Amino acid sequence: MNIEKFLEKYYAKDEPIILACSAGPDSMFLLYKLLETSYAKNLVICYFNHKTRPGTDEEEAFLETLWAEKWFKVEVASCDFEKIMQLYPSKSFEELAREKRYAFFNAVMNIYEANKVITAHHLDDKIETFMFNMLRGSKLSGLTNIKESHGWILRPLLWIEKSEILTYLDENKLEYKVDETNNQSIYSRNKIRNEILPKCEEINEKYRKNMNNLMCYFEDLQDHINHEVWEFLWDRDYFEIPDFNNLSSFLQKEVIRYIYYTSNGKSTIGLSESNINEIIRFINGKNNKTKKEIKLLSMRKDNTRIYF
């Protein structure tokens, strides 16, 4: 992995490099690597203090001490999650924490007039997210969204295993902090990380390489399907019912999945096969001037056209 070449690919020489940093091994590994590059003077470290466990204030102080030594910028934010969770009882802590972190990152991007944030997601994270989304019922689009560049997020470590990161840090005696709650399987992701994936390694110690090959295959497959869907929709907000019925049954379902995906914040969570079949029946139903809504997806039939 060459971080310098990665930065040259995505950044101008004077552009701020915003790094989401938890002070844990993954983000500290990436921070140390970034400090070795010619872009080190551009670094802005973002630390979101969840204040939900012992040690977060120590992590914040650790980054600020390192800032004084290395001369990068540090931006810190925190949140009263006990109060927030009372206001949004239907949302999990993981979901709320992610929303607040991302709002913080967006605020920092606005301050520094930037449009990208680097995160330290590595290959093990990519596999973990794949498993998490698969178990939640995500379709192909939800299994292929952990990419090097996705929206405003950049991930330069996706080809590196966690074990490589820990070995590098320990061999070079580089300091990092450990979140002990990561070893507790109280959250779904932790359970996948701590209980399911070790079983995969027992079956095949090279499972990470095989899983990565499978995910890359799925990414190519998704690109091909998206191309077929885009050719059908032609950047319009409607399609003709006879044209839709000329598609294969598989591609019909993919058109519906794509419309749902774009309507629901780029997620297919909540779209079942029965929902898809229900929409196809709606498209071919005898009634005109009718509507079909599933979550944020809204379709309207007007004679031979479906608007969405």
Protein backbone atom coordinates (compact mmCIF):
# COMPACT_ATOMS: atom_id res chain seq x y z
CA MET A 1 0.00 0.00 0.00
CA ASN A 2 1.35 3.41 -1.00
CA ILE A 3 -0.52 6.17 0.84
CA GLU A 4 1.35 8.89 -1.06
CA LYS A 5 0.06 7.58 -4.40
CA PHE A 6 -3.44 7.25 -2.96
CA LEU A 7 -3.40 10.91 -1.89
CA GLU A 8 -2.03 12.01 -5.28
CA LYS A 9 -4.98 10.23 -6.89
CA TYR A 10 -7.63 12.12 -4.90
CA TYR A 11 -6.08 15.35 -3.56
CA ALA A 12 -4.39 18.53 -4.72
CA LYS A 13 -1.16 19.42 -2.90
CA ASP A 14 -2.73 22.18 -0.77
CA GLU A 15 -6.07 20.43 -0.15
CA PRO A 16 -7.04 19.62 3.49
CA ILE A 17 -6.87 15.90 4.35
CA ILE A 18 -9.67 15.18 6.82
CA LEU A 19 -9.23 11.91 8.72
CA ALA A 20 -11.91 10.33 10.91
CA CYS A 21 -9.89 9.09 13.87
CA SER A 22 -10.97 7.07 16.91
CA ALA A 23 -7.44 6.74 18.39
CA GLY A 24 -7.80 2.97 17.91
CA PRO A 25 -5.26 0.82 16.03
CA ASP A 26 -6.86 1.16 12.58
CA SER A 27 -7.16 4.94 12.44
CA MET A 28 -3.84 5.46 14.26
CA PHE A 29 -2.10 3.21 11.73
CA LEU A 30 -3.54 5.37 8.95
CA LEU A 31 -2.61 8.58 10.80
CA TYR A 32 1.00 7.45 11.23
CA LYS A 33 1.16 6.54 7.55
CA LEU A 34 -0.33 9.91 6.52
CA LEU A 35 2.26 11.71 8.65
CA GLU A 36 4.98 10.09 6.52
CA THR A 37 3.66 11.70 3.33
CA SER A 38 4.22 15.13 1.80
CA TYR A 39 0.59 15.90 2.66
CA ALA A 40 1.19 15.73 6.43
CA LYS A 41 0.92 19.52 6.83
CA ASN A 42 -2.65 19.34 5.43
CA LEU A 43 -3.96 16.90 8.03
CA VAL A 44 -7.15 17.61 10.00
CA ILE A 45 -8.02 14.90 12.56
CA CYS A 46 -11.69 14.49 13.53
CA TYR A 47 -12.41 12.79 16.85
CA PHE A 48 -16.01 12.25 17.93
CA ASN A 49 -16.16 11.66 21.70
CA HIS A 50 -19.19 9.45 22.35
CA LYS A 51 -18.67 9.72 26.14
CA THR A 52 -20.43 6.38 26.58
CA ARG A 53 -17.51 4.43 28.06
CA PRO A 54 -14.41 4.99 30.20
CA GLY A 55 -11.38 6.09 28.23
CA THR A 56 -12.89 8.45 25.67
CA ASP A 57 -11.52 11.56 27.39
CA GLU A 58 -8.12 9.88 27.54
CA GLU A 59 -8.30 9.19 23.80
CA GLU A 60 -9.17 12.83 23.12
CA ALA A 61 -6.24 14.01 25.27
CA PHE A 62 -3.92 11.52 23.54
CA LEU A 63 -4.73 12.96 20.10
CA GLU A 64 -4.31 16.53 21.31
CA THR A 65 -0.89 15.65 22.80
CA LEU A 66 0.15 14.03 19.53
CA TRP A 67 -1.11 17.13 17.69
CA ALA A 68 1.28 19.29 19.74
CA GLU A 69 4.17 17.04 18.65
CA LYS A 70 3.25 16.53 14.99
CA TRP A 71 1.51 19.83 14.17
CA PHE A 72 -1.65 18.57 12.56
CA LYS A 73 -5.07 20.08 13.31
CA VAL A 74 -7.57 18.36 15.63
CA GLU A 75 -11.34 18.88 15.63
CA VAL A 76 -13.38 17.34 18.46
CA ALA A 77 -17.12 16.98 19.07
CA SER A 78 -19.26 15.08 21.59
CA CYS A 79 -22.91 14.24 22.22
CA ASP A 80 -25.19 13.41 25.16
CA PHE A 81 -26.39 10.06 23.86
CA GLU A 82 -28.54 9.28 26.90
CA LYS A 83 -30.67 12.31 26.09
CA ILE A 84 -30.59 11.73 22.33
CA MET A 85 -31.72 8.11 22.69
CA GLN A 86 -34.71 9.24 24.78
CA LEU A 87 -35.72 11.56 21.93
CA TYR A 88 -35.39 8.81 19.30
CA PRO A 89 -36.41 5.55 21.02
CA SER A 90 -37.00 3.75 17.72
CA LYS A 91 -33.34 4.09 16.71
CA SER A 92 -30.46 1.97 17.98
CA PHE A 93 -27.38 3.49 19.58
CA GLU A 94 -25.28 2.34 16.60
CA GLU A 95 -27.60 4.15 14.17
CA LEU A 96 -27.71 7.38 16.20
CA ALA A 97 -23.95 7.37 16.78
CA ARG A 98 -23.33 6.99 13.06
CA GLU A 99 -25.72 9.86 12.25
CA LYS A 100 -24.04 12.18 14.78
CA ARG A 101 -20.53 11.28 13.62
CA TYR A 102 -21.43 11.90 10.00
CA ALA A 103 -23.06 15.24 10.87
CA PHE A 104 -19.80 16.19 12.63
CA PHE A 105 -17.72 15.14 9.61
CA ASN A 106 -19.94 17.21 7.32
CA ALA A 107 -19.55 20.23 9.60
CA VAL A 108 -15.74 19.88 9.54
CA MET A 109 -15.80 19.58 5.74
CA ASN A 110 -17.76 22.83 5.57
CA ILE A 111 -15.30 24.59 7.89
CA TYR A 112 -12.29 23.57 5.80
CA GLU A 113 -14.09 23.82 2.44
CA ALA A 114 -13.39 20.16 1.80
CA ASN A 115 -15.51 17.48 0.12
CA LYS A 116 -13.87 14.26 1.30
CA VAL A 117 -13.20 12.39 4.55
CA ILE A 118 -10.74 9.51 4.89
CA THR A 119 -11.67 6.56 7.10
CA ALA A 120 -9.55 3.61 8.24
CA HIS A 121 -11.87 0.78 7.15
CA HIS A 122 -9.78 -2.27 6.27
CA LEU A 123 -10.46 -5.67 4.70
CA ASP A 124 -11.82 -7.21 7.91
CA ASP A 125 -14.26 -4.28 8.22
CA LYS A 126 -15.36 -4.78 4.61
CA ILE A 127 -16.11 -8.46 5.25
CA GLU A 128 -17.86 -7.64 8.53
CA THR A 129 -20.11 -5.07 6.80
CA PHE A 130 -20.85 -7.52 3.99
CA MET A 131 -21.98 -10.12 6.54
CA PHE A 132 -23.96 -7.56 8.56
CA ASN A 133 -25.87 -6.29 5.52
CA MET A 134 -26.45 -9.78 4.17
CA LEU A 135 -27.98 -10.91 7.46
CA ARG A 136 -30.21 -7.81 7.49
CA GLY A 137 -31.65 -8.81 4.11
CA SER A 138 -29.81 -6.36 1.89
CA LYS A 139 -29.80 -6.93 -1.86
CA LEU A 140 -26.72 -6.79 -4.08
CA SER A 141 -26.40 -2.99 -3.90
CA GLY A 142 -26.11 -3.19 -0.11
CA LEU A 143 -23.35 -5.79 -0.36
CA THR A 144 -21.13 -3.72 -2.65
CA ASN A 145 -21.11 -0.25 -1.09
CA ILE A 146 -17.80 -0.55 0.82
CA LYS A 147 -15.49 0.78 -1.87
CA GLU A 148 -12.28 2.79 -2.00
CA SER A 149 -14.31 5.84 -3.00
CA HIS A 150 -18.01 6.08 -2.17
CA GLY A 151 -19.68 9.49 -2.10
CA TRP A 152 -17.58 11.75 0.13
CA ILE A 153 -15.82 8.86 1.92
CA LEU A 154 -12.38 7.55 0.94
CA ARG A 155 -11.03 4.24 2.25
CA PRO A 156 -7.35 3.61 1.42
CA LEU A 157 -6.94 0.50 3.63
CA LEU A 158 -9.52 -1.86 2.12
CA TRP A 159 -6.85 -4.29 0.93
CA ILE A 160 -5.12 -4.57 4.34
CA GLU A 161 -6.00 -7.13 7.01
CA LYS A 162 -6.36 -6.16 10.67
CA SER A 163 -3.49 -8.48 11.61
CA GLU A 164 -1.13 -6.52 9.32
CA ILE A 165 -2.11 -3.27 11.02
CA LEU A 166 -1.49 -4.62 14.52
CA THR A 167 1.83 -6.18 13.50
CA TYR A 168 3.06 -2.88 12.03
CA LEU A 169 2.06 -0.86 15.09
CA ASP A 170 3.59 -3.29 17.56
CA GLU A 171 6.83 -3.81 15.63
CA ASN A 172 7.33 -0.04 15.36
CA LYS A 173 6.22 0.59 18.98
CA LEU A 174 3.57 3.08 17.85
CA GLU A 175 0.98 4.08 20.43
CA TYR A 176 -2.76 3.57 20.03
CA LYS A 177 -5.77 3.14 22.28
CA VAL A 178 -8.00 0.09 22.64
CA ASP A 179 -11.78 0.27 23.00
CA GLU A 180 -12.51 -2.70 25.26
CA THR A 181 -16.20 -2.65 24.31
CA ASN A 182 -15.20 -3.96 20.87
CA ASN A 183 -14.59 -7.30 22.58
CA GLN A 184 -18.13 -7.38 23.97
CA SER A 185 -20.69 -8.99 21.67
CA ILE A 186 -23.55 -6.73 22.74
CA TYR A 187 -23.91 -5.16 19.29
CA SER A 188 -24.61 -7.07 16.07
CA ARG A 189 -21.36 -6.00 14.41
CA ASN A 190 -19.32 -7.04 17.44
CA LYS A 191 -21.00 -10.46 17.43
CA ILE A 192 -20.08 -10.94 13.77
CA ARG A 193 -16.51 -9.79 14.44
CA ASN A 194 -15.96 -11.76 17.64
CA GLU A 195 -18.00 -14.92 17.13
CA ILE A 196 -18.90 -15.55 13.47
CA LEU A 197 -15.77 -14.52 11.56
CA PRO A 198 -13.38 -16.52 13.79
CA LYS A 199 -15.45 -19.61 12.88
CA CYS A 200 -14.87 -18.78 9.20
CA GLU A 201 -11.14 -18.75 9.85
CA GLU A 202 -11.39 -22.17 11.50
CA ILE A 203 -12.96 -23.52 8.32
CA ASN A 204 -10.51 -21.79 5.96
CA GLU A 205 -7.68 -19.55 7.16
CA LYS A 206 -7.69 -17.87 3.73
CA TYR A 207 -11.36 -16.95 3.94
CA ARG A 208 -10.58 -13.20 3.81
CA LYS A 209 -8.96 -13.51 0.39
CA ASN A 210 -11.84 -15.67 -0.88
CA MET A 211 -14.46 -13.31 0.54
CA ASN A 212 -12.70 -10.34 -1.04
CA ASN A 213 -12.67 -12.08 -4.42
CA LEU A 214 -16.41 -12.75 -4.04
CA MET A 215 -17.11 -9.11 -3.12
CA CYS A 216 -15.10 -7.89 -6.12
CA TYR A 217 -17.12 -10.24 -8.33
CA PHE A 218 -20.34 -8.84 -6.87
CA GLU A 219 -19.11 -5.29 -7.54
CA ASP A 220 -18.52 -6.15 -11.22
CA LEU A 221 -21.93 -7.83 -11.37
CA GLN A 222 -23.61 -4.79 -9.80
CA ASP A 223 -21.90 -2.47 -12.29
CA HIS A 224 -23.19 -4.59 -15.17
CA ILE A 225 -26.73 -4.66 -13.79
CA ASN A 226 -26.68 -0.90 -13.13
CA HIS A 227 -25.62 -0.29 -16.72
CA GLU A 228 -28.61 -2.32 -17.96
CA VAL A 229 -30.98 -0.45 -15.62
CA TRP A 230 -29.61 2.98 -16.60
CA GLU A 231 -30.01 2.11 -20.28
CA PHE A 232 -33.65 1.29 -19.62
CA LEU A 233 -34.46 4.35 -17.51
CA TRP A 234 -32.36 6.86 -19.48
CA ASP A 235 -32.19 9.30 -16.55
CA ARG A 236 -35.99 9.76 -16.62
CA ASP A 237 -38.53 9.79 -13.79
CA TYR A 238 -40.87 7.43 -15.64
CA PHE A 239 -40.93 4.34 -17.84
CA GLU A 240 -43.40 2.86 -20.32
CA ILE A 241 -45.22 -0.26 -19.11
CA PRO A 242 -44.89 -2.15 -22.45
CA ASP A 243 -41.12 -1.51 -22.42
CA PHE A 244 -40.93 -2.74 -18.82
CA ASN A 245 -42.77 -5.94 -19.74
CA ASN A 246 -40.28 -6.61 -22.54
CA LEU A 247 -37.49 -6.90 -19.95
CA SER A 248 -36.51 -10.24 -18.44
CA SER A 249 -38.18 -10.96 -15.09
CA PHE A 250 -34.77 -10.58 -13.41
CA LEU A 251 -34.16 -7.13 -14.92
CA GLN A 252 -37.71 -6.04 -14.03
CA LYS A 253 -36.90 -6.77 -10.39
CA GLU A 254 -33.60 -4.95 -10.65
CA VAL A 255 -35.32 -1.83 -12.06
CA ILE A 256 -37.67 -1.85 -9.07
CA ARG A 257 -34.77 -2.41 -6.65
CA TYR A 258 -32.84 0.47 -8.22
CA ILE A 259 -35.80 2.88 -7.93
CA TYR A 260 -36.33 1.81 -4.31
CA TYR A 261 -32.59 2.16 -3.61
CA THR A 262 -32.42 5.72 -4.92
CA SER A 263 -35.68 6.66 -3.17
CA ASN A 264 -34.61 5.36 0.25
CA GLY A 265 -31.22 6.93 0.86
CA LYS A 266 -29.29 4.40 -1.22
CA SER A 267 -30.51 1.40 0.76
CA THR A 268 -32.54 -1.67 -0.15
CA ILE A 269 -33.23 -2.55 3.48
CA GLY A 270 -36.97 -3.14 3.85
CA LEU A 271 -37.60 -4.23 0.26
CA SER A 272 -38.75 -7.86 0.23
CA GLU A 273 -39.42 -10.17 -2.70
CA SER A 274 -43.13 -9.94 -1.89
CA ASN A 275 -42.88 -6.12 -2.11
CA ILE A 276 -41.29 -6.44 -5.56
CA ASN A 277 -43.96 -8.85 -6.78
CA GLU A 278 -46.62 -6.51 -5.37
CA ILE A 279 -45.16 -3.60 -7.38
CA ILE A 280 -45.06 -5.70 -10.57
CA ARG A 281 -48.75 -6.56 -10.06
CA PHE A 282 -49.46 -2.85 -9.56
CA ILE A 283 -47.63 -1.98 -12.80
CA ASN A 284 -49.69 -4.49 -14.77
CA GLY A 285 -52.99 -3.92 -12.95
CA LYS A 286 -56.09 -2.75 -14.80
CA ASN A 287 -56.61 0.40 -12.73
CA ASN A 288 -55.13 3.66 -14.02
CA LYS A 289 -54.36 6.90 -12.16
CA THR A 290 -53.35 4.93 -9.06
CA LYS A 291 -50.37 5.03 -6.68
CA LYS A 292 -48.15 2.51 -4.92
CA GLU A 293 -45.96 3.49 -1.95
CA ILE A 294 -43.42 1.42 0.01
CA LYS A 295 -41.43 3.45 2.54
CA LEU A 296 -40.07 6.41 0.53
CA LEU A 297 -40.66 4.80 -2.84
CA SER A 298 -43.71 6.29 -4.55
CA MET A 299 -44.98 5.14 -7.97
CA ARG A 300 -47.86 6.63 -9.91
CA LYS A 301 -49.57 4.99 -12.87
CA ASP A 302 -50.85 7.20 -15.68
CA ASN A 303 -52.24 5.00 -18.47
CA THR A 304 -49.18 3.30 -20.02
CA ARG A 305 -46.60 5.13 -17.91
CA ILE A 306 -45.23 4.63 -14.41
CA TYR A 307 -43.84 7.77 -12.75
CA PHE A 308 -41.55 7.51 -9.72
